[in-house]
Amino acid sequence: MSPAVVISTKNNGMCVASLVLGILALVLCWIPIIGLILALLAVILGGAGISAVNKNPALGGKGMGIAGLVMEIISLVPIVLFWAIIGSFLAAA
């Protein structure tokens, strides 16, 4: 009986960080400055992580990078709406 071979791919850390920051940005989007910073970091790390996975197919985690980018895009909607409402109130004052 031959031993079982386990093949594991190493996940790209930037993709994992993008996913975590995307989740945090989505949860904390009601805090405008923090949500915006987290969302921008998720975009930067997600793009860099996906690029690194495309260059080195032995790395895994491309799906996590894409998920982080999607969550960041979803979290930007309430952030932009908040700043638009604040801007309209300040313009009216």
C-alpha atoms as a PDB file:
ATOM      1  CA  MET A   1       0.000   0.000   0.000  1.00  0.00           C
ATOM      2  CA  SER A   2       1.482   3.336  -1.029  1.00  0.00           C
ATOM      3  CA  PRO A   3       1.186   6.374   1.227  1.00  0.00           C
ATOM      4  CA  ALA A   4      -1.364   9.021   0.349  1.00  0.00           C
ATOM      5  CA  VAL A   5       0.065  12.080  -1.298  1.00  0.00           C
ATOM      6  CA  VAL A   6      -1.298  15.373  -0.071  1.00  0.00           C
ATOM      7  CA  ILE A   7      -0.786  18.301  -2.388  1.00  0.00           C
ATOM      8  CA  SER A   8      -1.354  21.651  -0.809  1.00  0.00           C
ATOM      9  CA  THR A   9      -1.005  25.018  -2.412  1.00  0.00           C
ATOM     10  CA  LYS A  10       0.263  27.952  -0.457  1.00  0.00           C
ATOM     11  CA  ASN A  11      -2.196  30.820  -0.394  1.00  0.00           C
ATOM     12  CA  ASN A  12      -0.985  34.258  -1.288  1.00  0.00           C
ATOM     13  CA  GLY A  13      -0.934  36.386   1.857  1.00  0.00           C
ATOM     14  CA  MET A  14      -2.022  39.508   0.006  1.00  0.00           C
ATOM     15  CA  CYS A  15      -5.171  37.761  -1.220  1.00  0.00           C
ATOM     16  CA  VAL A  16      -5.985  36.580   2.295  1.00  0.00           C
ATOM     17  CA  ALA A  17      -5.391  40.101   3.640  1.00  0.00           C
ATOM     18  CA  SER A  18      -7.621  41.523   0.897  1.00  0.00           C
ATOM     19  CA  LEU A  19     -10.429  39.174   1.906  1.00  0.00           C
ATOM     20  CA  VAL A  20     -10.096  40.049   5.597  1.00  0.00           C
ATOM     21  CA  LEU A  21      -9.944  43.794   4.892  1.00  0.00           C
ATOM     22  CA  GLY A  22     -12.893  43.511   2.496  1.00  0.00           C
ATOM     23  CA  ILE A  23     -14.960  41.837   5.218  1.00  0.00           C
ATOM     24  CA  LEU A  24     -13.917  44.473   7.759  1.00  0.00           C
ATOM     25  CA  ALA A  25     -14.684  47.272   5.291  1.00  0.00           C
ATOM     26  CA  LEU A  26     -18.119  45.796   4.697  1.00  0.00           C
ATOM     27  CA  VAL A  27     -18.839  45.492   8.420  1.00  0.00           C
ATOM     28  CA  LEU A  28     -17.377  48.891   9.320  1.00  0.00           C
ATOM     29  CA  CYS A  29     -18.645  50.868   6.309  1.00  0.00           C
ATOM     30  CA  TRP A  30     -20.891  52.898   8.634  1.00  0.00           C
ATOM     31  CA  ILE A  31     -17.720  54.465  10.075  1.00  0.00           C
ATOM     32  CA  PRO A  32     -16.762  56.507   6.994  1.00  0.00           C
ATOM     33  CA  ILE A  33     -13.043  57.135   7.471  1.00  0.00           C
ATOM     34  CA  ILE A  34     -12.205  53.651   8.759  1.00  0.00           C
ATOM     35  CA  GLY A  35     -14.369  51.953   6.128  1.00  0.00           C
ATOM     36  CA  LEU A  36     -12.754  53.990   3.363  1.00  0.00           C
ATOM     37  CA  ILE A  37      -9.214  53.217   4.531  1.00  0.00           C
ATOM     38  CA  LEU A  38      -9.990  49.506   4.826  1.00  0.00           C
ATOM     39  CA  ALA A  39     -11.640  49.480   1.402  1.00  0.00           C
ATOM     40  CA  LEU A  40      -8.665  51.185  -0.247  1.00  0.00           C
ATOM     41  CA  LEU A  41      -6.233  48.772   1.392  1.00  0.00           C
ATOM     42  CA  ALA A  42      -8.378  45.845   0.224  1.00  0.00           C
ATOM     43  CA  VAL A  43      -8.212  47.117  -3.362  1.00  0.00           C
ATOM     44  CA  ILE A  44      -4.446  47.551  -3.284  1.00  0.00           C
ATOM     45  CA  LEU A  45      -3.752  44.176  -1.682  1.00  0.00           C
ATOM     46  CA  GLY A  46      -6.356  42.378  -3.787  1.00  0.00           C
ATOM     47  CA  GLY A  47      -4.975  43.712  -7.043  1.00  0.00           C
ATOM     48  CA  ALA A  48      -1.387  42.949  -6.072  1.00  0.00           C
ATOM     49  CA  GLY A  49      -2.331  39.495  -4.801  1.00  0.00           C
ATOM     50  CA  ILE A  50      -4.268  38.540  -7.928  1.00  0.00           C
ATOM     51  CA  SER A  51      -1.388  39.788 -10.062  1.00  0.00           C
ATOM     52  CA  ALA A  52       1.082  37.684  -8.064  1.00  0.00           C
ATOM     53  CA  VAL A  53      -1.112  34.578  -8.396  1.00  0.00           C
ATOM     54  CA  ASN A  54      -1.398  35.125 -12.149  1.00  0.00           C
ATOM     55  CA  LYS A  55       2.401  35.331 -12.428  1.00  0.00           C
ATOM     56  CA  ASN A  56       2.983  32.252 -10.241  1.00  0.00           C
ATOM     57  CA  PRO A  57       0.211  29.659 -10.693  1.00  0.00           C
ATOM     58  CA  ALA A  58       1.671  27.535  -7.874  1.00  0.00           C
ATOM     59  CA  LEU A  59       0.257  30.086  -5.438  1.00  0.00           C
ATOM     60  CA  GLY A  60      -3.368  29.801  -4.445  1.00  0.00           C
ATOM     61  CA  GLY A  61      -5.858  32.294  -3.147  1.00  0.00           C
ATOM     62  CA  LYS A  62      -6.999  34.044  -6.303  1.00  0.00           C
ATOM     63  CA  GLY A  63     -10.626  33.510  -5.300  1.00  0.00           C
ATOM     64  CA  MET A  64      -9.984  35.172  -1.944  1.00  0.00           C
ATOM     65  CA  GLY A  65      -8.481  38.181  -3.708  1.00  0.00           C
ATOM     66  CA  ILE A  66     -11.480  38.456  -5.996  1.00  0.00           C
ATOM     67  CA  ALA A  67     -13.867  38.098  -3.046  1.00  0.00           C
ATOM     68  CA  GLY A  68     -11.990  40.860  -1.218  1.00  0.00           C
ATOM     69  CA  LEU A  69     -12.365  43.164  -4.230  1.00  0.00           C
ATOM     70  CA  VAL A  70     -16.094  42.409  -4.510  1.00  0.00           C
ATOM     71  CA  MET A  71     -16.667  43.120  -0.805  1.00  0.00           C
ATOM     72  CA  GLU A  72     -14.704  46.344  -1.117  1.00  0.00           C
ATOM     73  CA  ILE A  73     -16.857  47.488  -4.018  1.00  0.00           C
ATOM     74  CA  ILE A  74     -20.012  46.664  -2.063  1.00  0.00           C
ATOM     75  CA  SER A  75     -18.718  48.537   0.998  1.00  0.00           C
ATOM     76  CA  LEU A  76     -17.917  51.651  -1.041  1.00  0.00           C
ATOM     77  CA  VAL A  77     -21.602  52.213  -1.893  1.00  0.00           C
ATOM     78  CA  PRO A  78     -22.696  53.268   1.635  1.00  0.00           C
ATOM     79  CA  ILE A  79     -19.451  55.182   2.147  1.00  0.00           C
ATOM     80  CA  VAL A  80     -20.002  57.241  -1.017  1.00  0.00           C
ATOM     81  CA  LEU A  81     -23.656  57.803  -0.102  1.00  0.00           C
ATOM     82  CA  PHE A  82     -22.638  59.009   3.355  1.00  0.00           C
ATOM     83  CA  TRP A  83     -20.152  61.512   1.946  1.00  0.00           C
ATOM     84  CA  ALA A  84     -22.696  62.703  -0.637  1.00  0.00           C
ATOM     85  CA  ILE A  85     -25.272  63.335   2.091  1.00  0.00           C
ATOM     86  CA  ILE A  86     -22.730  65.123   4.287  1.00  0.00           C
ATOM     87  CA  GLY A  87     -21.595  67.201   1.307  1.00  0.00           C
ATOM     88  CA  SER A  88     -25.141  68.209   0.480  1.00  0.00           C
ATOM     89  CA  PHE A  89     -25.765  69.292   4.080  1.00  0.00           C
ATOM     90  CA  LEU A  90     -22.548  71.318   4.134  1.00  0.00           C
ATOM     91  CA  ALA A  91     -23.360  72.944   0.791  1.00  0.00           C
ATOM     92  CA  ALA A  92     -26.801  73.935   2.043  1.00  0.00           C
ATOM     93  CA  ALA A  93     -25.396  75.508   5.194  1.00  0.00           C
END
